[in-house]
N, C-alpha and C. Protein backbone atom coordinates (compact mmCIF):
# COMPACT_ATOMS: atom_id res chain seq x y z
N UNK A 1 18.23 -5.32 7.20
CA UNK A 1 18.38 -4.87 5.73
C UNK A 1 18.77 -3.34 5.85
N UNK A 2 17.83 -2.51 5.45
CA UNK A 2 17.96 -1.02 5.31
C UNK A 2 16.74 -0.41 6.10
N UNK A 3 16.58 -1.03 7.26
CA UNK A 3 15.44 -0.72 8.11
C UNK A 3 15.29 0.67 8.39
N UNK A 4 16.21 1.48 8.81
CA UNK A 4 16.26 2.88 9.32
C UNK A 4 15.80 3.82 8.01
N UNK A 5 16.66 3.43 6.95
CA UNK A 5 16.53 4.20 5.59
C UNK A 5 15.12 3.94 5.02
N UNK A 6 14.58 2.72 5.17
CA UNK A 6 13.39 2.48 4.66
C UNK A 6 12.17 3.24 5.49
N UNK A 7 12.39 3.19 6.84
CA UNK A 7 11.21 3.82 7.59
C UNK A 7 11.41 5.39 7.43
N UNK A 8 12.36 6.01 7.24
CA UNK A 8 12.52 7.24 6.86
C UNK A 8 12.06 7.88 5.63
N UNK A 9 12.33 6.93 4.58
CA UNK A 9 11.71 7.18 3.36
C UNK A 9 10.17 7.21 3.42
N UNK A 10 9.66 6.11 3.80
CA UNK A 10 8.14 5.99 3.96
C UNK A 10 7.67 7.18 4.72
N UNK A 11 8.26 7.55 5.69
CA UNK A 11 7.68 8.75 6.56
C UNK A 11 7.61 9.85 5.79
N UNK A 12 8.73 10.09 5.05
CA UNK A 12 8.87 11.13 4.27
C UNK A 12 7.81 11.38 3.15
N UNK A 13 7.26 10.09 2.79
CA UNK A 13 6.11 10.05 1.64
C UNK A 13 4.96 9.92 2.28
N UNK A 14 4.85 10.43 3.36
CA UNK A 14 3.30 10.29 4.06
C UNK A 14 2.59 8.93 4.28
N UNK A 15 3.38 7.91 4.54
CA UNK A 15 3.00 6.55 4.77
C UNK A 15 3.05 6.52 6.35
N UNK A 16 2.16 5.85 6.99
CA UNK A 16 1.96 5.84 8.38
C UNK A 16 1.77 4.52 8.91
N UNK A 17 2.03 4.42 10.30
CA UNK A 17 1.83 3.18 11.07
C UNK A 17 2.83 2.09 10.50
N UNK A 18 4.09 2.49 10.15
CA UNK A 18 4.97 1.59 9.78
C UNK A 18 5.59 0.69 10.81
N UNK A 19 5.32 -0.67 10.68
CA UNK A 19 5.76 -1.70 11.53
C UNK A 19 6.52 -2.72 10.89
N UNK A 20 7.81 -2.89 11.25
CA UNK A 20 8.56 -3.85 10.65
C UNK A 20 8.29 -5.10 11.32
N UNK A 21 7.71 -6.18 10.47
CA UNK A 21 7.46 -7.40 11.00
C UNK A 21 8.48 -8.58 11.19
N UNK A 22 9.46 -8.39 10.08
CA UNK A 22 10.54 -9.38 10.02
C UNK A 22 11.75 -8.63 9.31
N UNK A 23 12.94 -8.49 9.79
CA UNK A 23 14.03 -8.02 9.41
C UNK A 23 15.18 -8.83 9.29
N UNK A 24 15.34 -9.49 8.13
CA UNK A 24 16.54 -10.62 7.83
C UNK A 24 17.51 -9.86 7.08
N UNK A 25 18.54 -10.56 6.94
CA UNK A 25 19.75 -10.08 6.19
C UNK A 25 19.33 -9.96 4.66
N UNK A 26 18.50 -10.92 4.15
CA UNK A 26 18.03 -11.12 2.82
C UNK A 26 16.77 -10.19 2.51
N UNK A 27 16.07 -9.96 3.44
CA UNK A 27 14.82 -9.31 3.25
C UNK A 27 14.16 -8.50 4.45
N UNK A 28 13.15 -7.68 4.04
CA UNK A 28 12.58 -7.01 5.30
C UNK A 28 11.12 -7.08 4.87
N UNK A 29 10.15 -7.36 5.77
CA UNK A 29 8.86 -7.43 5.72
C UNK A 29 8.17 -6.41 6.67
N UNK A 30 7.32 -5.52 6.10
CA UNK A 30 6.65 -4.45 7.08
C UNK A 30 5.35 -4.15 6.58
N UNK A 31 4.48 -3.72 7.58
CA UNK A 31 3.22 -3.09 7.28
C UNK A 31 3.13 -1.67 7.53
N UNK A 32 2.23 -1.15 6.72
CA UNK A 32 2.02 0.29 6.79
C UNK A 32 0.81 0.59 6.25
N UNK A 33 0.44 1.94 6.38
CA UNK A 33 -0.84 2.48 5.97
C UNK A 33 -0.48 3.67 5.17
N UNK A 34 -1.31 3.74 4.06
CA UNK A 34 -1.39 4.83 2.99
C UNK A 34 -2.52 5.67 3.45
N UNK A 35 -2.24 7.09 3.70
CA UNK A 35 -3.23 8.03 4.20
C UNK A 35 -3.68 8.84 3.04
N UNK A 36 -5.06 8.64 2.84
CA UNK A 36 -5.66 9.59 1.65
C UNK A 36 -5.63 11.03 2.17
N UNK A 37 -5.08 12.11 1.37
CA UNK A 37 -5.26 13.32 1.69
C UNK A 37 -6.73 13.82 1.30
N UNK A 38 -7.07 15.17 1.48
CA UNK A 38 -8.46 15.59 1.32
C UNK A 38 -8.76 15.53 -0.21
N UNK A 39 -7.87 15.96 -1.15
CA UNK A 39 -7.90 15.98 -2.55
C UNK A 39 -8.17 14.68 -3.14
N UNK A 40 -7.64 13.65 -2.47
CA UNK A 40 -7.89 12.24 -3.04
C UNK A 40 -9.30 11.74 -2.75
N UNK A 41 -9.58 11.99 -1.52
CA UNK A 41 -10.95 11.49 -0.94
C UNK A 41 -12.11 12.28 -1.71
N UNK A 42 -11.76 13.60 -2.04
CA UNK A 42 -12.82 14.42 -2.63
C UNK A 42 -12.96 13.98 -4.24
N UNK A 43 -11.68 13.56 -4.85
CA UNK A 43 -11.81 13.03 -6.13
C UNK A 43 -12.49 11.55 -6.22
N UNK A 44 -12.13 10.74 -5.09
CA UNK A 44 -13.03 9.51 -5.27
C UNK A 44 -14.41 9.74 -5.04
N UNK A 45 -14.97 10.74 -4.19
CA UNK A 45 -16.36 10.97 -4.20
C UNK A 45 -16.92 11.45 -5.37
N UNK A 46 -16.32 12.50 -5.94
CA UNK A 46 -16.69 13.06 -7.17
C UNK A 46 -16.65 12.11 -8.36
N UNK A 47 -15.88 11.11 -8.34
CA UNK A 47 -15.80 9.98 -9.40
C UNK A 47 -17.10 9.12 -9.11
N UNK A 48 -17.37 8.78 -7.87
CA UNK A 48 -18.37 7.93 -7.68
C UNK A 48 -19.82 8.55 -7.94
N UNK A 49 -19.86 10.02 -7.37
CA UNK A 49 -21.01 10.76 -7.77
C UNK A 49 -21.47 10.77 -9.25
N UNK A 50 -20.38 10.83 -9.92
CA UNK A 50 -20.54 11.11 -11.37
C UNK A 50 -20.88 9.84 -12.29
N UNK A 51 -20.42 8.72 -11.74
CA UNK A 51 -20.49 7.29 -12.37
C UNK A 51 -21.67 6.42 -11.92
N UNK A 52 -22.04 6.75 -10.78
CA UNK A 52 -22.87 5.88 -10.02
C UNK A 52 -24.40 6.34 -10.14
N UNK A 53 -25.36 5.41 -10.77
CA UNK A 53 -26.70 5.92 -10.77
C UNK A 53 -27.64 4.93 -9.79
N UNK A 54 -26.97 4.18 -8.96
CA UNK A 54 -27.63 3.08 -8.13
C UNK A 54 -27.72 3.74 -6.78
N UNK A 55 -27.75 2.67 -5.76
CA UNK A 55 -28.09 3.08 -4.40
C UNK A 55 -26.59 3.20 -3.77
N UNK A 56 -26.81 3.52 -2.32
CA UNK A 56 -25.46 3.76 -1.62
C UNK A 56 -24.55 2.62 -1.55
N UNK A 57 -25.05 1.37 -1.51
CA UNK A 57 -24.11 0.17 -1.56
C UNK A 57 -23.26 0.25 -2.99
N UNK A 58 -24.13 0.37 -4.02
CA UNK A 58 -23.27 0.29 -5.31
C UNK A 58 -22.39 1.34 -5.17
N UNK A 59 -22.82 2.74 -4.95
CA UNK A 59 -21.78 3.96 -4.87
C UNK A 59 -20.61 3.66 -4.09
N UNK A 60 -20.68 2.91 -2.99
CA UNK A 60 -19.59 2.58 -2.03
C UNK A 60 -18.75 1.53 -2.75
N UNK A 61 -19.49 0.32 -2.87
CA UNK A 61 -18.62 -0.83 -3.29
C UNK A 61 -18.16 -1.01 -4.89
N UNK A 62 -18.92 -0.31 -5.48
CA UNK A 62 -18.45 -0.43 -7.22
C UNK A 62 -17.69 0.90 -7.51
N UNK A 63 -17.86 2.02 -6.93
CA UNK A 63 -17.18 3.15 -7.29
C UNK A 63 -16.16 3.83 -6.49
N UNK A 64 -16.67 4.33 -5.12
CA UNK A 64 -15.83 5.12 -4.19
C UNK A 64 -14.65 4.08 -3.71
N UNK A 65 -15.11 3.02 -3.15
CA UNK A 65 -13.97 2.15 -2.54
C UNK A 65 -12.84 1.50 -3.56
N UNK A 66 -13.35 1.13 -4.62
CA UNK A 66 -12.44 0.75 -5.72
C UNK A 66 -11.45 1.85 -6.18
N UNK A 67 -12.03 3.04 -6.44
CA UNK A 67 -11.15 4.04 -6.70
C UNK A 67 -10.16 4.41 -5.81
N UNK A 68 -10.34 4.50 -4.44
CA UNK A 68 -9.35 4.55 -3.56
C UNK A 68 -8.31 3.58 -3.46
N UNK A 69 -8.95 2.27 -3.63
CA UNK A 69 -7.89 1.25 -3.78
C UNK A 69 -7.00 1.34 -4.63
N UNK A 70 -7.61 1.63 -5.97
CA UNK A 70 -6.53 1.65 -7.26
C UNK A 70 -5.53 2.82 -6.87
N UNK A 71 -5.99 3.86 -6.40
CA UNK A 71 -5.28 5.13 -6.02
C UNK A 71 -4.09 4.68 -5.21
N UNK A 72 -4.39 3.99 -4.14
CA UNK A 72 -3.47 3.67 -3.14
C UNK A 72 -2.34 2.74 -3.56
N UNK A 73 -3.07 1.78 -4.34
CA UNK A 73 -2.00 0.75 -4.97
C UNK A 73 -0.94 1.43 -5.91
N UNK A 74 -1.56 2.30 -6.79
CA UNK A 74 -0.59 2.91 -7.72
C UNK A 74 0.36 3.85 -7.04
N UNK A 75 0.08 4.59 -5.98
CA UNK A 75 0.84 5.45 -5.29
C UNK A 75 2.06 4.68 -4.39
N UNK A 76 1.50 3.80 -3.63
CA UNK A 76 2.43 2.77 -2.96
C UNK A 76 3.52 2.19 -3.97
N UNK A 77 3.02 1.68 -5.03
CA UNK A 77 3.88 1.13 -6.02
C UNK A 77 4.94 2.26 -6.53
N UNK A 78 4.56 3.49 -6.85
CA UNK A 78 5.45 4.36 -7.22
C UNK A 78 6.42 4.65 -6.14
N UNK A 79 5.92 4.74 -4.81
CA UNK A 79 6.86 5.05 -3.80
C UNK A 79 7.94 4.21 -3.44
N UNK A 80 7.49 2.78 -3.53
CA UNK A 80 8.40 1.76 -3.32
C UNK A 80 9.32 1.47 -4.63
N UNK A 81 8.98 1.85 -5.61
CA UNK A 81 9.84 1.68 -6.85
C UNK A 81 10.86 2.93 -6.86
N UNK A 82 10.44 4.00 -6.18
CA UNK A 82 11.42 5.00 -6.02
C UNK A 82 12.53 4.72 -4.90
N UNK A 83 12.08 3.92 -4.09
CA UNK A 83 13.08 3.66 -2.86
C UNK A 83 13.97 2.63 -3.49
N UNK A 84 13.30 1.59 -4.20
CA UNK A 84 14.10 0.45 -4.62
C UNK A 84 15.11 0.76 -5.62
N UNK A 85 14.70 1.54 -6.67
CA UNK A 85 15.62 1.79 -7.72
C UNK A 85 15.79 0.58 -8.40
N UNK A 86 16.96 0.48 -9.05
CA UNK A 86 17.63 -0.52 -9.65
C UNK A 86 18.11 -1.85 -8.75
N UNK A 87 18.34 -1.42 -7.37
CA UNK A 87 18.94 -2.35 -6.51
C UNK A 87 18.39 -3.34 -5.63
N UNK A 88 16.99 -2.94 -5.43
CA UNK A 88 16.11 -3.92 -4.71
C UNK A 88 14.79 -4.30 -5.35
N UNK A 89 14.21 -5.47 -4.98
CA UNK A 89 12.95 -6.02 -5.51
C UNK A 89 11.91 -5.69 -4.35
N UNK A 90 10.56 -5.46 -4.65
CA UNK A 90 9.53 -5.41 -3.72
C UNK A 90 8.43 -6.08 -4.11
N UNK A 91 7.73 -6.42 -3.17
CA UNK A 91 6.38 -6.90 -3.44
C UNK A 91 5.50 -6.48 -2.48
N UNK A 92 4.21 -6.28 -2.59
CA UNK A 92 3.17 -5.90 -1.64
C UNK A 92 1.83 -6.46 -1.84
N UNK A 93 1.01 -6.60 -0.84
CA UNK A 93 -0.46 -6.89 -0.95
C UNK A 93 -1.15 -5.72 -0.32
N UNK A 94 -2.24 -5.36 -0.84
CA UNK A 94 -3.04 -4.17 -0.42
C UNK A 94 -4.26 -4.86 -0.03
N UNK A 95 -4.57 -4.29 1.31
CA UNK A 95 -5.85 -4.81 1.88
C UNK A 95 -7.04 -3.82 1.35
N UNK A 96 -8.12 -4.22 1.26
CA UNK A 96 -9.27 -3.43 0.87
C UNK A 96 -9.39 -2.08 1.71
N UNK A 97 -9.83 -1.11 1.46
CA UNK A 97 -10.27 0.05 2.19
C UNK A 97 -11.52 -0.50 2.82
N UNK A 98 -11.61 -0.40 4.21
CA UNK A 98 -12.89 -0.79 4.88
C UNK A 98 -13.65 0.53 4.78
N UNK A 99 -15.24 0.21 4.57
CA UNK A 99 -16.06 1.30 4.61
C UNK A 99 -16.09 1.91 5.94
N UNK A 100 -15.81 1.29 6.90
CA UNK A 100 -15.82 1.98 8.17
C UNK A 100 -14.66 3.02 8.40
N UNK A 101 -13.77 2.81 7.68
CA UNK A 101 -12.63 3.84 7.81
C UNK A 101 -12.03 4.11 6.52
N UNK A 102 -12.35 5.28 5.71
CA UNK A 102 -11.90 5.28 4.48
C UNK A 102 -10.69 6.40 4.39
N UNK A 103 -10.09 6.66 5.53
CA UNK A 103 -8.97 7.66 5.66
C UNK A 103 -7.55 6.80 5.13
N UNK A 104 -7.52 5.53 5.37
CA UNK A 104 -6.22 4.77 5.27
C UNK A 104 -6.44 3.62 4.09
N UNK A 105 -5.41 3.02 3.71
CA UNK A 105 -5.44 1.64 3.15
C UNK A 105 -4.22 1.06 3.51
N UNK A 106 -4.34 -0.12 4.23
CA UNK A 106 -3.37 -0.88 4.67
C UNK A 106 -2.68 -1.80 3.65
N UNK A 107 -1.24 -2.05 3.84
CA UNK A 107 -0.48 -2.78 2.96
C UNK A 107 0.45 -3.66 3.82
N UNK A 108 0.73 -4.84 3.32
CA UNK A 108 2.07 -5.59 3.75
C UNK A 108 3.01 -5.67 2.70
N UNK A 109 4.17 -5.39 2.95
CA UNK A 109 5.06 -5.49 1.93
C UNK A 109 6.37 -6.00 2.20
N UNK A 110 7.22 -6.47 1.06
CA UNK A 110 8.51 -7.11 1.39
C UNK A 110 9.54 -6.34 0.27
N UNK A 111 10.71 -6.32 0.86
CA UNK A 111 11.85 -5.65 0.05
C UNK A 111 13.13 -6.61 0.15
N UNK A 112 13.73 -6.93 -0.94
CA UNK A 112 14.98 -7.57 -0.78
C UNK A 112 16.02 -7.03 -1.85
N UNK A 113 17.18 -7.52 -1.66
CA UNK A 113 18.24 -7.14 -2.75
C UNK A 113 17.89 -7.80 -4.05
N UNK A 114 17.89 -7.25 -5.21
CA UNK A 114 17.51 -7.47 -6.39
C UNK A 114 18.33 -8.77 -6.71
N UNK A 115 17.52 -9.90 -7.58
CA UNK A 115 18.23 -10.99 -7.88
C UNK A 115 18.99 -12.00 -6.91
N UNK A 116 18.42 -11.88 -5.69
CA UNK A 116 19.12 -12.82 -4.50
C UNK A 116 18.51 -14.05 -4.37
N UNK A 117 17.40 -14.43 -5.19
CA UNK A 117 16.89 -15.57 -5.13
C UNK A 117 15.51 -15.63 -3.98
N UNK A 118 15.41 -14.58 -3.30
CA UNK A 118 14.41 -14.67 -2.22
C UNK A 118 13.05 -14.53 -2.92
N UNK A 119 12.08 -15.47 -2.60
CA UNK A 119 10.75 -15.34 -3.08
C UNK A 119 9.89 -14.50 -2.17
N UNK A 120 9.75 -13.40 -2.40
CA UNK A 120 9.15 -12.21 -1.49
C UNK A 120 7.65 -12.71 -1.40
N UNK A 121 7.08 -12.97 -2.38
CA UNK A 121 5.48 -13.34 -2.27
C UNK A 121 5.46 -14.35 -1.13
N UNK A 122 6.10 -15.50 -1.37
CA UNK A 122 6.18 -16.51 -0.40
C UNK A 122 6.31 -16.16 1.09
N UNK A 123 7.22 -15.28 1.26
CA UNK A 123 7.41 -14.84 2.64
C UNK A 123 6.29 -13.88 3.09
N UNK A 124 5.74 -13.08 2.24
CA UNK A 124 4.43 -12.25 2.49
C UNK A 124 3.44 -13.10 3.03
N UNK A 125 3.13 -14.20 2.12
CA UNK A 125 2.07 -15.04 2.39
C UNK A 125 2.24 -15.68 3.98
N UNK A 126 3.57 -16.21 4.13
CA UNK A 126 3.78 -16.90 5.43
C UNK A 126 3.45 -16.02 6.54
N UNK A 127 3.90 -14.75 6.32
CA UNK A 127 3.68 -13.98 7.55
C UNK A 127 1.93 -13.52 7.70
N UNK A 128 1.37 -13.67 6.89
CA UNK A 128 -0.09 -13.17 6.76
C UNK A 128 -0.88 -14.45 7.37
N UNK A 129 -0.25 -15.70 7.43
CA UNK A 129 -0.98 -16.80 8.03
C UNK A 129 -1.15 -16.73 9.57
């Protein structure tokens, strides 16, 4: 599909560890990682500090990590939406940010030409099995 253009665009938008899993004429499936910058991490910590009155587990699992996950999903959605514009469709699955490594959020994504009848979600789930 548009493999080189896609990789260049994702790299230009600070997405890392891009790995093309499957590249067919109708669709492309790839893995990537969203890297949080210093301000995003500080913002998540400030939010958790302000909102949490509980213990460390509550701070991490109810406030800090969900904030990071939501931020990464929103940003990746905006990045892919910009790349795809009106010509391509995309789907992605975000993995939860692990407590052991909060610098990245991993995704698996699929892109295809708009309205070509390809079920992107089905292809994503097949690749994940």
